[in-house]
């Protein structure tokens, strides 16, 4: 079996991250979402910003990436949410199989 898995990163406000994570899992678009508190520093519309956010570390099949990105954009409160997909080049076979199984239904 091909293990074409990707990890998608997105940041969100602390009050929105659990809602986004739960929706992605409930829709079987993703196998798992880790939510980690982060401090983000960036410039937006010419102003320096320092925000407490949650980083969503999302595991899914590569073929689901576009659907996951659309779902995040629909659920996300930001005008331009961070959504970055990275390929998984290696991993523990049984875990990669589990990701495939969890995302097969959608």
PDB file of N, CA and C in Angstrom:
ATOM      1  N   UNK A   1       0.849  -1.182   0.000  1.00  0.00           N
ATOM      2  CA  UNK A   1       0.000   0.000   0.000  1.00  0.00           C
ATOM      3  C   UNK A   1       0.888   1.236   0.000  1.00  0.00           C
ATOM      4  N   UNK A   2       0.505   2.197  -0.809  1.00  0.00           N
ATOM      5  CA  UNK A   2       1.220   3.463  -0.820  1.00  0.00           C
ATOM      6  C   UNK A   2       0.887   4.245   0.444  1.00  0.00           C
ATOM      7  N   UNK A   3       1.897   4.808   1.059  1.00  0.00           N
ATOM      8  CA  UNK A   3       1.701   5.589   2.282  1.00  0.00           C
ATOM      9  C   UNK A   3       1.881   7.068   1.971  1.00  0.00           C
ATOM     10  N   UNK A   4       1.073   7.586   1.066  1.00  0.00           N
ATOM     11  CA  UNK A   4       1.196   8.995   0.730  1.00  0.00           C
ATOM     12  C   UNK A   4       0.426   9.812   1.756  1.00  0.00           C
ATOM     13  N   UNK A   5       1.132  10.128   2.825  1.00  0.00           N
ATOM     14  CA  UNK A   5       0.562  10.849   3.952  1.00  0.00           C
ATOM     15  C   UNK A   5       1.159  12.252   3.951  1.00  0.00           C
ATOM     16  N   UNK A   6       0.376  13.225   4.416  1.00  0.00           N
ATOM     17  CA  UNK A   6       0.923  14.565   4.594  1.00  0.00           C
ATOM     18  C   UNK A   6       0.519  15.083   5.964  1.00  0.00           C
ATOM     19  N   UNK A   7       1.271  16.069   6.408  1.00  0.00           N
ATOM     20  CA  UNK A   7       0.985  16.778   7.646  1.00  0.00           C
ATOM     21  C   UNK A   7       0.642  18.204   7.250  1.00  0.00           C
ATOM     22  N   UNK A   8      -0.466  18.693   7.765  1.00  0.00           N
ATOM     23  CA  UNK A   8      -0.901  20.054   7.481  1.00  0.00           C
ATOM     24  C   UNK A   8      -0.806  20.849   8.774  1.00  0.00           C
ATOM     25  N   UNK A   9      -0.178  22.014   8.690  1.00  0.00           N
ATOM     26  CA  UNK A   9      -0.077  22.924   9.827  1.00  0.00           C
ATOM     27  C   UNK A   9      -1.047  24.078   9.620  1.00  0.00           C
ATOM     28  N   UNK A  10      -1.719  24.443  10.684  1.00  0.00           N
ATOM     29  CA  UNK A  10      -2.550  25.637  10.681  1.00  0.00           C
ATOM     30  C   UNK A  10      -2.550  26.204  12.085  1.00  0.00           C
ATOM     31  N   UNK A  11      -2.569  27.514  12.193  1.00  0.00           N
ATOM     32  CA  UNK A  11      -2.711  28.138  13.498  1.00  0.00           C
ATOM     33  C   UNK A  11      -4.110  28.726  13.593  1.00  0.00           C
ATOM     34  N   UNK A  12      -4.613  28.822  14.829  1.00  0.00           N
ATOM     35  CA  UNK A  12      -5.953  29.355  15.052  1.00  0.00           C
ATOM     36  C   UNK A  12      -6.020  29.948  16.457  1.00  0.00           C
ATOM     37  N   UNK A  13      -6.986  30.821  16.685  1.00  0.00           N
ATOM     38  CA  UNK A  13      -7.191  31.317  18.038  1.00  0.00           C
ATOM     39  C   UNK A  13      -7.541  30.156  18.974  1.00  0.00           C
ATOM     40  N   UNK A  14      -7.137  30.239  20.244  1.00  0.00           N
ATOM     41  CA  UNK A  14      -7.389  29.138  21.174  1.00  0.00           C
ATOM     42  C   UNK A  14      -8.853  28.698  21.241  1.00  0.00           C
ATOM     43  N   UNK A  15      -9.795  29.619  21.113  1.00  0.00           N
ATOM     44  CA  UNK A  15     -11.202  29.249  21.213  1.00  0.00           C
ATOM     45  C   UNK A  15     -11.710  28.541  19.953  1.00  0.00           C
ATOM     46  N   UNK A  16     -11.007  28.674  18.819  1.00  0.00           N
ATOM     47  CA  UNK A  16     -11.454  28.070  17.562  1.00  0.00           C
ATOM     48  C   UNK A  16     -10.750  26.759  17.229  1.00  0.00           C
ATOM     49  N   UNK A  17      -9.548  26.551  17.737  1.00  0.00           N
ATOM     50  CA  UNK A  17      -8.765  25.370  17.381  1.00  0.00           C
ATOM     51  C   UNK A  17      -9.488  24.055  17.685  1.00  0.00           C
ATOM     52  N   UNK A  18     -10.082  23.871  18.887  1.00  0.00           N
ATOM     53  CA  UNK A  18     -10.766  22.593  19.147  1.00  0.00           C
ATOM     54  C   UNK A  18     -11.940  22.345  18.198  1.00  0.00           C
ATOM     55  N   UNK A  19     -12.669  23.392  17.849  1.00  0.00           N
ATOM     56  CA  UNK A  19     -13.802  23.262  16.927  1.00  0.00           C
ATOM     57  C   UNK A  19     -13.325  22.798  15.550  1.00  0.00           C
ATOM     58  N   UNK A  20     -12.249  23.385  15.072  1.00  0.00           N
ATOM     59  CA  UNK A  20     -11.692  23.011  13.771  1.00  0.00           C
ATOM     60  C   UNK A  20     -11.189  21.569  13.815  1.00  0.00           C
ATOM     61  N   UNK A  21     -10.433  21.236  14.858  1.00  0.00           N
ATOM     62  CA  UNK A  21      -9.890  19.881  14.989  1.00  0.00           C
ATOM     63  C   UNK A  21     -11.015  18.845  15.007  1.00  0.00           C
ATOM     64  N   UNK A  22     -12.030  19.085  15.825  1.00  0.00           N
ATOM     65  CA  UNK A  22     -13.132  18.123  15.949  1.00  0.00           C
ATOM     66  C   UNK A  22     -13.870  17.944  14.630  1.00  0.00           C
ATOM     67  N   UNK A  23     -14.125  19.036  13.924  1.00  0.00           N
ATOM     68  CA  UNK A  23     -14.828  18.939  12.645  1.00  0.00           C
ATOM     69  C   UNK A  23     -14.037  18.112  11.635  1.00  0.00           C
ATOM     70  N   UNK A  24     -12.737  18.334  11.556  1.00  0.00           N
ATOM     71  CA  UNK A  24     -11.913  17.582  10.605  1.00  0.00           C
ATOM     72  C   UNK A  24     -11.916  16.094  10.907  1.00  0.00           C
ATOM     73  N   UNK A  25     -11.850  15.745  12.197  1.00  0.00           N
ATOM     74  CA  UNK A  25     -11.877  14.330  12.596  1.00  0.00           C
ATOM     75  C   UNK A  25     -13.265  13.743  12.347  1.00  0.00           C
ATOM     76  N   UNK A  26     -14.317  14.462  12.754  1.00  0.00           N
ATOM     77  CA  UNK A  26     -15.686  13.962  12.578  1.00  0.00           C
ATOM     78  C   UNK A  26     -16.031  13.722  11.112  1.00  0.00           C
ATOM     79  N   UNK A  27     -15.485  14.543  10.224  1.00  0.00           N
ATOM     80  CA  UNK A  27     -15.733  14.397   8.789  1.00  0.00           C
ATOM     81  C   UNK A  27     -14.858  13.314   8.150  1.00  0.00           C
ATOM     82  N   UNK A  28     -13.992  12.680   8.935  1.00  0.00           N
ATOM     83  CA  UNK A  28     -13.046  11.657   8.452  1.00  0.00           C
ATOM     84  C   UNK A  28     -12.115  12.197   7.367  1.00  0.00           C
ATOM     85  N   UNK A  29     -11.870  13.493   7.413  1.00  0.00           N
ATOM     86  CA  UNK A  29     -10.906  14.084   6.496  1.00  0.00           C
ATOM     87  C   UNK A  29      -9.488  13.863   6.993  1.00  0.00           C
ATOM     88  N   UNK A  30      -9.346  13.692   8.307  1.00  0.00           N
ATOM     89  CA  UNK A  30      -8.031  13.538   8.924  1.00  0.00           C
ATOM     90  C   UNK A  30      -8.077  12.407   9.928  1.00  0.00           C
ATOM     91  N   UNK A  31      -6.925  11.846  10.231  1.00  0.00           N
ATOM     92  CA  UNK A  31      -6.845  10.792  11.231  1.00  0.00           C
ATOM     93  C   UNK A  31      -6.673  11.370  12.622  1.00  0.00           C
ATOM     94  N   UNK A  32      -5.937  12.473  12.713  1.00  0.00           N
ATOM     95  CA  UNK A  32      -5.565  12.990  14.024  1.00  0.00           C
ATOM     96  C   UNK A  32      -5.185  14.458  13.896  1.00  0.00           C
ATOM     97  N   UNK A  33      -5.491  15.211  14.948  1.00  0.00           N
ATOM     98  CA  UNK A  33      -5.048  16.603  15.035  1.00  0.00           C
ATOM     99  C   UNK A  33      -4.449  16.802  16.422  1.00  0.00           C
ATOM    100  N   UNK A  34      -3.194  17.219  16.466  1.00  0.00           N
ATOM    101  CA  UNK A  34      -2.569  17.636  17.724  1.00  0.00           C
ATOM    102  C   UNK A  34      -2.731  19.141  17.823  1.00  0.00           C
ATOM    103  N   UNK A  35      -3.067  19.623  19.002  1.00  0.00           N
ATOM    104  CA  UNK A  35      -3.236  21.056  19.220  1.00  0.00           C
ATOM    105  C   UNK A  35      -2.230  21.479  20.283  1.00  0.00           C
ATOM    106  N   UNK A  36      -1.369  22.427  19.912  1.00  0.00           N
ATOM    107  CA  UNK A  36      -0.275  22.860  20.769  1.00  0.00           C
ATOM    108  C   UNK A  36      -0.323  24.380  20.906  1.00  0.00           C
ATOM    109  N   UNK A  37      -0.158  24.868  22.128  1.00  0.00           N
ATOM    110  CA  UNK A  37      -0.104  26.316  22.341  1.00  0.00           C
ATOM    111  C   UNK A  37       1.205  26.859  21.782  1.00  0.00           C
ATOM    112  N   UNK A  38       1.098  27.964  21.034  1.00  0.00           N
ATOM    113  CA  UNK A  38       2.284  28.628  20.486  1.00  0.00           C
ATOM    114  C   UNK A  38       2.135  30.140  20.633  1.00  0.00           C
ATOM    115  N   UNK A  39       3.244  30.828  20.628  1.00  0.00           N
ATOM    116  CA  UNK A  39       3.270  32.287  20.555  1.00  0.00           C
ATOM    117  C   UNK A  39       3.705  32.644  19.144  1.00  0.00           C
ATOM    118  N   UNK A  40       2.891  33.409  18.446  1.00  0.00           N
ATOM    119  CA  UNK A  40       3.183  33.771  17.060  1.00  0.00           C
ATOM    120  C   UNK A  40       3.535  35.248  16.966  1.00  0.00           C
ATOM    121  N   UNK A  41       4.588  35.545  16.228  1.00  0.00           N
ATOM    122  CA  UNK A  41       5.059  36.910  16.008  1.00  0.00           C
ATOM    123  C   UNK A  41       5.120  37.135  14.507  1.00  0.00           C
ATOM    124  N   UNK A  42       4.460  38.182  14.024  1.00  0.00           N
ATOM    125  CA  UNK A  42       4.383  38.414  12.590  1.00  0.00           C
ATOM    126  C   UNK A  42       3.933  39.850  12.327  1.00  0.00           C
ATOM    127  N   UNK A  43       4.031  40.258  11.072  1.00  0.00           N
ATOM    128  CA  UNK A  43       3.517  41.553  10.650  1.00  0.00           C
ATOM    129  C   UNK A  43       2.272  41.309   9.811  1.00  0.00           C
ATOM    130  N   UNK A  44       1.195  42.006  10.154  1.00  0.00           N
ATOM    131  CA  UNK A  44      -0.051  41.891   9.398  1.00  0.00           C
ATOM    132  C   UNK A  44      -0.567  43.294   9.128  1.00  0.00           C
ATOM    133  N   UNK A  45      -0.786  43.579   7.838  1.00  0.00           N
ATOM    134  CA  UNK A  45      -1.269  44.893   7.397  1.00  0.00           C
ATOM    135  C   UNK A  45      -0.413  46.020   7.968  1.00  0.00           C
ATOM    136  N   UNK A  46       0.919  45.800   7.933  1.00  0.00           N
ATOM    137  CA  UNK A  46       1.871  46.814   8.339  1.00  0.00           C
ATOM    138  C   UNK A  46       2.089  46.959   9.833  1.00  0.00           C
ATOM    139  N   UNK A  47       1.425  46.147  10.637  1.00  0.00           N
ATOM    140  CA  UNK A  47       1.531  46.240  12.091  1.00  0.00           C
ATOM    141  C   UNK A  47       2.146  44.964  12.664  1.00  0.00           C
ATOM    142  N   UNK A  48       3.077  45.124  13.597  1.00  0.00           N
ATOM    143  CA  UNK A  48       3.641  43.971  14.299  1.00  0.00           C
ATOM    144  C   UNK A  48       2.577  43.365  15.203  1.00  0.00           C
ATOM    145  N   UNK A  49       2.504  42.045  15.201  1.00  0.00           N
ATOM    146  CA  UNK A  49       1.537  41.336  16.051  1.00  0.00           C
ATOM    147  C   UNK A  49       2.248  40.259  16.850  1.00  0.00           C
ATOM    148  N   UNK A  50       1.790  40.082  18.074  1.00  0.00           N
ATOM    149  CA  UNK A  50       2.249  38.995  18.941  1.00  0.00           C
ATOM    150  C   UNK A  50       0.989  38.369  19.527  1.00  0.00           C
ATOM    151  N   UNK A  51       0.711  37.139  19.133  1.00  0.00           N
ATOM    152  CA  UNK A  51      -0.542  36.496  19.528  1.00  0.00           C
ATOM    153  C   UNK A  51      -0.300  35.131  20.149  1.00  0.00           C
ATOM    154  N   UNK A  52      -1.135  34.803  21.106  1.00  0.00           N
ATOM    155  CA  UNK A  52      -1.221  33.430  21.593  1.00  0.00           C
ATOM    156  C   UNK A  52      -2.158  32.699  20.652  1.00  0.00           C
ATOM    157  N   UNK A  53      -1.671  31.626  20.083  1.00  0.00           N
ATOM    158  CA  UNK A  53      -2.471  30.844  19.145  1.00  0.00           C
ATOM    159  C   UNK A  53      -2.312  29.370  19.496  1.00  0.00           C
ATOM    160  N   UNK A  54      -3.079  28.553  18.801  1.00  0.00           N
ATOM    161  CA  UNK A  54      -2.896  27.111  18.866  1.00  0.00           C
ATOM    162  C   UNK A  54      -2.468  26.643  17.490  1.00  0.00           C
ATOM    163  N   UNK A  55      -1.455  25.795  17.475  1.00  0.00           N
ATOM    164  CA  UNK A  55      -0.971  25.178  16.248  1.00  0.00           C
ATOM    165  C   UNK A  55      -1.667  23.839  16.093  1.00  0.00           C
ATOM    166  N   UNK A  56      -2.335  23.645  14.974  1.00  0.00           N
ATOM    167  CA  UNK A  56      -2.957  22.366  14.662  1.00  0.00           C
ATOM    168  C   UNK A  56      -1.997  21.589  13.782  1.00  0.00           C
ATOM    169  N   UNK A  57      -1.625  20.405  14.221  1.00  0.00           N
ATOM    170  CA  UNK A  57      -0.759  19.496  13.463  1.00  0.00           C
ATOM    171  C   UNK A  57      -1.661  18.369  12.998  1.00  0.00           C
ATOM    172  N   UNK A  58      -1.961  18.367  11.712  1.00  0.00           N
ATOM    173  CA  UNK A  58      -3.039  17.566  11.139  1.00  0.00           C
ATOM    174  C   UNK A  58      -2.451  16.474  10.259  1.00  0.00           C
ATOM    175  N   UNK A  59      -2.852  15.216  10.499  1.00  0.00           N
ATOM    176  CA  UNK A  59      -2.363  14.107   9.694  1.00  0.00           C
ATOM    177  C   UNK A  59      -3.480  13.557   8.811  1.00  0.00           C
ATOM    178  N   UNK A  60      -3.171  13.416   7.515  1.00  0.00           N
ATOM    179  CA  UNK A  60      -4.153  12.919   6.563  1.00  0.00           C
ATOM    180  C   UNK A  60      -3.448  12.300   5.363  1.00  0.00           C
ATOM    181  N   UNK A  61      -4.239  11.773   4.449  1.00  0.00           N
ATOM    182  CA  UNK A  61      -3.692  11.282   3.183  1.00  0.00           C
ATOM    183  C   UNK A  61      -3.450  12.466   2.258  1.00  0.00           C
ATOM    184  N   UNK A  62      -2.398  12.358   1.452  1.00  0.00           N
ATOM    185  CA  UNK A  62      -2.055  13.421   0.509  1.00  0.00           C
ATOM    186  C   UNK A  62      -3.247  13.758  -0.390  1.00  0.00           C
ATOM    187  N   UNK A  63      -3.981  12.765  -0.816  1.00  0.00           N
ATOM    188  CA  UNK A  63      -5.114  13.001  -1.713  1.00  0.00           C
ATOM    189  C   UNK A  63      -6.252  13.774  -1.041  1.00  0.00           C
ATOM    190  N   UNK A  64      -6.258  13.846   0.280  1.00  0.00           N
ATOM    191  CA  UNK A  64      -7.281  14.588   1.021  1.00  0.00           C
ATOM    192  C   UNK A  64      -6.864  16.030   1.307  1.00  0.00           C
ATOM    193  N   UNK A  65      -5.631  16.400   0.994  1.00  0.00           N
ATOM    194  CA  UNK A  65      -5.100  17.708   1.395  1.00  0.00           C
ATOM    195  C   UNK A  65      -5.967  18.859   0.908  1.00  0.00           C
ATOM    196  N   UNK A  66      -6.373  18.866  -0.347  1.00  0.00           N
ATOM    197  CA  UNK A  66      -7.174  19.977  -0.862  1.00  0.00           C
ATOM    198  C   UNK A  66      -8.512  20.080  -0.141  1.00  0.00           C
ATOM    199  N   UNK A  67      -9.129  18.944   0.141  1.00  0.00           N
ATOM    200  CA  UNK A  67     -10.410  18.934   0.854  1.00  0.00           C
ATOM    201  C   UNK A  67     -10.237  19.446   2.293  1.00  0.00           C
ATOM    202  N   UNK A  68      -9.134  19.051   2.931  1.00  0.00           N
ATOM    203  CA  UNK A  68      -8.849  19.521   4.285  1.00  0.00           C
ATOM    204  C   UNK A  68      -8.617  21.037   4.270  1.00  0.00           C
ATOM    205  N   UNK A  69      -7.867  21.523   3.312  1.00  0.00           N
ATOM    206  CA  UNK A  69      -7.605  22.958   3.206  1.00  0.00           C
ATOM    207  C   UNK A  69      -8.908  23.728   3.033  1.00  0.00           C
ATOM    208  N   UNK A  70      -9.798  23.234   2.173  1.00  0.00           N
ATOM    209  CA  UNK A  70     -11.100  23.903   1.992  1.00  0.00           C
ATOM    210  C   UNK A  70     -11.892  23.917   3.296  1.00  0.00           C
ATOM    211  N   UNK A  71     -11.893  22.799   4.003  1.00  0.00           N
ATOM    212  CA  UNK A  71     -12.639  22.724   5.262  1.00  0.00           C
ATOM    213  C   UNK A  71     -12.076  23.696   6.293  1.00  0.00           C
ATOM    214  N   UNK A  72     -10.753  23.763   6.403  1.00  0.00           N
ATOM    215  CA  UNK A  72     -10.138  24.696   7.357  1.00  0.00           C
ATOM    216  C   UNK A  72     -10.536  26.125   6.998  1.00  0.00           C
ATOM    217  N   UNK A  73     -10.442  26.483   5.719  1.00  0.00           N
ATOM    218  CA  UNK A  73     -10.796  27.843   5.300  1.00  0.00           C
ATOM    219  C   UNK A  73     -12.248  28.169   5.658  1.00  0.00           C
ATOM    220  N   UNK A  74     -13.147  27.206   5.513  1.00  0.00           N
ATOM    221  CA  UNK A  74     -14.560  27.430   5.833  1.00  0.00           C
ATOM    222  C   UNK A  74     -14.807  27.566   7.328  1.00  0.00           C
ATOM    223  N   UNK A  75     -14.004  26.906   8.151  1.00  0.00           N
ATOM    224  CA  UNK A  75     -14.194  26.915   9.602  1.00  0.00           C
ATOM    225  C   UNK A  75     -13.398  28.010  10.308  1.00  0.00           C
ATOM    226  N   UNK A  76     -12.429  28.577   9.630  1.00  0.00           N
ATOM    227  CA  UNK A  76     -11.429  29.439  10.253  1.00  0.00           C
ATOM    228  C   UNK A  76     -11.888  30.888  10.330  1.00  0.00           C
ATOM    229  N   UNK A  77     -11.625  31.584  11.442  1.00  0.00           N
ATOM    230  CA  UNK A  77     -12.047  32.978  11.566  1.00  0.00           C
ATOM    231  C   UNK A  77     -11.104  33.986  10.895  1.00  0.00           C
ATOM    232  N   UNK A  78      -9.878  33.586  10.580  1.00  0.00           N
ATOM    233  CA  UNK A  78      -8.914  34.538  10.033  1.00  0.00           C
ATOM    234  C   UNK A  78      -9.210  34.850   8.569  1.00  0.00           C
ATOM    235  N   UNK A  79      -8.885  36.061   8.167  1.00  0.00           N
ATOM    236  CA  UNK A  79      -9.001  36.465   6.765  1.00  0.00           C
ATOM    237  C   UNK A  79      -8.059  35.638   5.885  1.00  0.00           C
ATOM    238  N   UNK A  80      -6.832  35.419   6.369  1.00  0.00           N
ATOM    239  CA  UNK A  80      -5.833  34.626   5.645  1.00  0.00           C
ATOM    240  C   UNK A  80      -5.217  33.635   6.632  1.00  0.00           C
ATOM    241  N   UNK A  81      -5.845  32.480   6.820  1.00  0.00           N
ATOM    242  CA  UNK A  81      -5.286  31.520   7.773  1.00  0.00           C
ATOM    243  C   UNK A  81      -4.014  30.860   7.238  1.00  0.00           C
ATOM    244  N   UNK A  82      -3.125  30.552   8.160  1.00  0.00           N
ATOM    245  CA  UNK A  82      -1.950  29.755   7.804  1.00  0.00           C
ATOM    246  C   UNK A  82      -2.421  28.325   7.562  1.00  0.00           C
ATOM    247  N   UNK A  83      -2.135  27.812   6.380  1.00  0.00           N
ATOM    248  CA  UNK A  83      -2.414  26.408   6.062  1.00  0.00           C
ATOM    249  C   UNK A  83      -1.271  25.942   5.175  1.00  0.00           C
ATOM    250  N   UNK A  84      -0.448  25.049   5.701  1.00  0.00           N
ATOM    251  CA  UNK A  84       0.744  24.572   4.991  1.00  0.00           C
ATOM    252  C   UNK A  84       0.741  23.048   5.028  1.00  0.00           C
ATOM    253  N   UNK A  85       0.868  22.422   3.872  1.00  0.00           N
ATOM    254  CA  UNK A  85       0.920  20.960   3.799  1.00  0.00           C
ATOM    255  C   UNK A  85       2.338  20.505   3.476  1.00  0.00           C
ATOM    256  N   UNK A  86       2.804  19.522   4.247  1.00  0.00           N
ATOM    257  CA  UNK A  86       4.143  18.968   4.064  1.00  0.00           C
ATOM    258  C   UNK A  86       4.048  17.468   3.849  1.00  0.00           C
ATOM    259  N   UNK A  87       4.838  16.908   2.917  1.00  0.00           N
ATOM    260  CA  UNK A  87       4.801  15.463   2.714  1.00  0.00           C
ATOM    261  C   UNK A  87       5.493  14.729   3.860  1.00  0.00           C
ATOM    262  N   UNK A  88       4.992  13.552   4.157  1.00  0.00           N
ATOM    263  CA  UNK A  88       5.669  12.664   5.103  1.00  0.00           C
ATOM    264  C   UNK A  88       6.554  11.753   4.255  1.00  0.00           C
ATOM    265  N   UNK A  89       7.859  11.823   4.481  1.00  0.00           N
ATOM    266  CA  UNK A  89       8.775  11.044   3.644  1.00  0.00           C
ATOM    267  C   UNK A  89       9.111   9.688   4.247  1.00  0.00           C
ATOM    268  N   UNK A  90       8.845   9.511   5.539  1.00  0.00           N
ATOM    269  CA  UNK A  90       9.065   8.224   6.197  1.00  0.00           C
ATOM    270  C   UNK A  90       8.270   8.224   7.490  1.00  0.00           C
ATOM    271  N   UNK A  91       8.017   7.039   8.000  1.00  0.00           N
ATOM    272  CA  UNK A  91       7.280   6.940   9.252  1.00  0.00           C
ATOM    273  C   UNK A  91       7.070   5.496   9.652  1.00  0.00           C
ATOM    274  N   UNK A  92       6.481   5.316  10.813  1.00  0.00           N
ATOM    275  CA  UNK A  92       6.175   3.995  11.352  1.00  0.00           C
ATOM    276  C   UNK A  92       5.016   3.401  10.553  1.00  0.00           C
ATOM    277  N   UNK A  93       5.258   2.288   9.872  1.00  0.00           N
ATOM    278  CA  UNK A  93       4.283   1.672   8.974  1.00  0.00           C
ATOM    279  C   UNK A  93       2.898   1.487   9.560  1.00  0.00           C
ATOM    280  N   UNK A  94       2.778   0.894  10.758  1.00  0.00           N
ATOM    281  CA  UNK A  94       1.447   0.717  11.330  1.00  0.00           C
ATOM    282  C   UNK A  94       0.719   2.041  11.576  1.00  0.00           C
ATOM    283  N   UNK A  95       1.440   3.089  11.953  1.00  0.00           N
ATOM    284  CA  UNK A  95       0.795   4.397  12.143  1.00  0.00           C
ATOM    285  C   UNK A  95       0.300   4.938  10.806  1.00  0.00           C
ATOM    286  N   UNK A  96       1.126   4.829   9.768  1.00  0.00           N
ATOM    287  CA  UNK A  96       0.719   5.309   8.451  1.00  0.00           C
ATOM    288  C   UNK A  96      -0.491   4.532   7.939  1.00  0.00           C
ATOM    289  N   UNK A  97      -0.521   3.223   8.205  1.00  0.00           N
ATOM    290  CA  UNK A  97      -1.700   2.413   7.851  1.00  0.00           C
ATOM    291  C   UNK A  97      -2.937   2.930   8.581  1.00  0.00           C
ATOM    292  N   UNK A  98      -2.782   3.265   9.866  1.00  0.00           N
ATOM    293  CA  UNK A  98      -3.894   3.767  10.663  1.00  0.00           C
ATOM    294  C   UNK A  98      -4.426   5.086  10.085  1.00  0.00           C
ATOM    295  N   UNK A  99      -3.524   5.977   9.656  1.00  0.00           N
ATOM    296  CA  UNK A  99      -3.956   7.237   9.043  1.00  0.00           C
ATOM    297  C   UNK A  99      -4.815   6.934   7.813  1.00  0.00           C
ATOM    298  N   UNK A 100      -4.358   5.991   7.000  1.00  0.00           N
ATOM    299  CA  UNK A 100      -5.123   5.604   5.811  1.00  0.00           C
ATOM    300  C   UNK A 100      -6.509   5.076   6.202  1.00  0.00           C
ATOM    301  N   UNK A 101      -6.544   4.182   7.185  1.00  0.00           N
ATOM    302  CA  UNK A 101      -7.819   3.591   7.604  1.00  0.00           C
ATOM    303  C   UNK A 101      -8.795   4.642   8.121  1.00  0.00           C
ATOM    304  N   UNK A 102      -8.298   5.595   8.905  1.00  0.00           N
ATOM    305  CA  UNK A 102      -9.167   6.606   9.517  1.00  0.00           C
ATOM    306  C   UNK A 102      -9.734   7.594   8.504  1.00  0.00           C
ATOM    307  N   UNK A 103      -9.073   7.744   7.372  1.00  0.00           N
ATOM    308  CA  UNK A 103      -9.511   8.726   6.376  1.00  0.00           C
ATOM    309  C   UNK A 103     -10.142   8.068   5.151  1.00  0.00           C
ATOM    310  N   UNK A 104     -10.368   6.796   5.208  1.00  0.00           N
ATOM    311  CA  UNK A 104     -10.916   6.068   4.063  1.00  0.00           C
ATOM    312  C   UNK A 104     -12.392   6.366   3.838  1.00  0.00           C
ATOM    313  N   UNK A 105     -13.149   6.679   4.882  1.00  0.00           N
ATOM    314  CA  UNK A 105     -14.593   6.792   4.783  1.00  0.00           C
ATOM    315  C   UNK A 105     -15.124   8.042   4.115  1.00  0.00           C
ATOM    316  N   UNK A 106     -14.282   9.022   3.816  1.00  0.00           N
ATOM    317  CA  UNK A 106     -14.847  10.252   3.251  1.00  0.00           C
ATOM    318  C   UNK A 106     -14.466  10.419   1.793  1.00  0.00           C
TER     319      UNK A 106
END
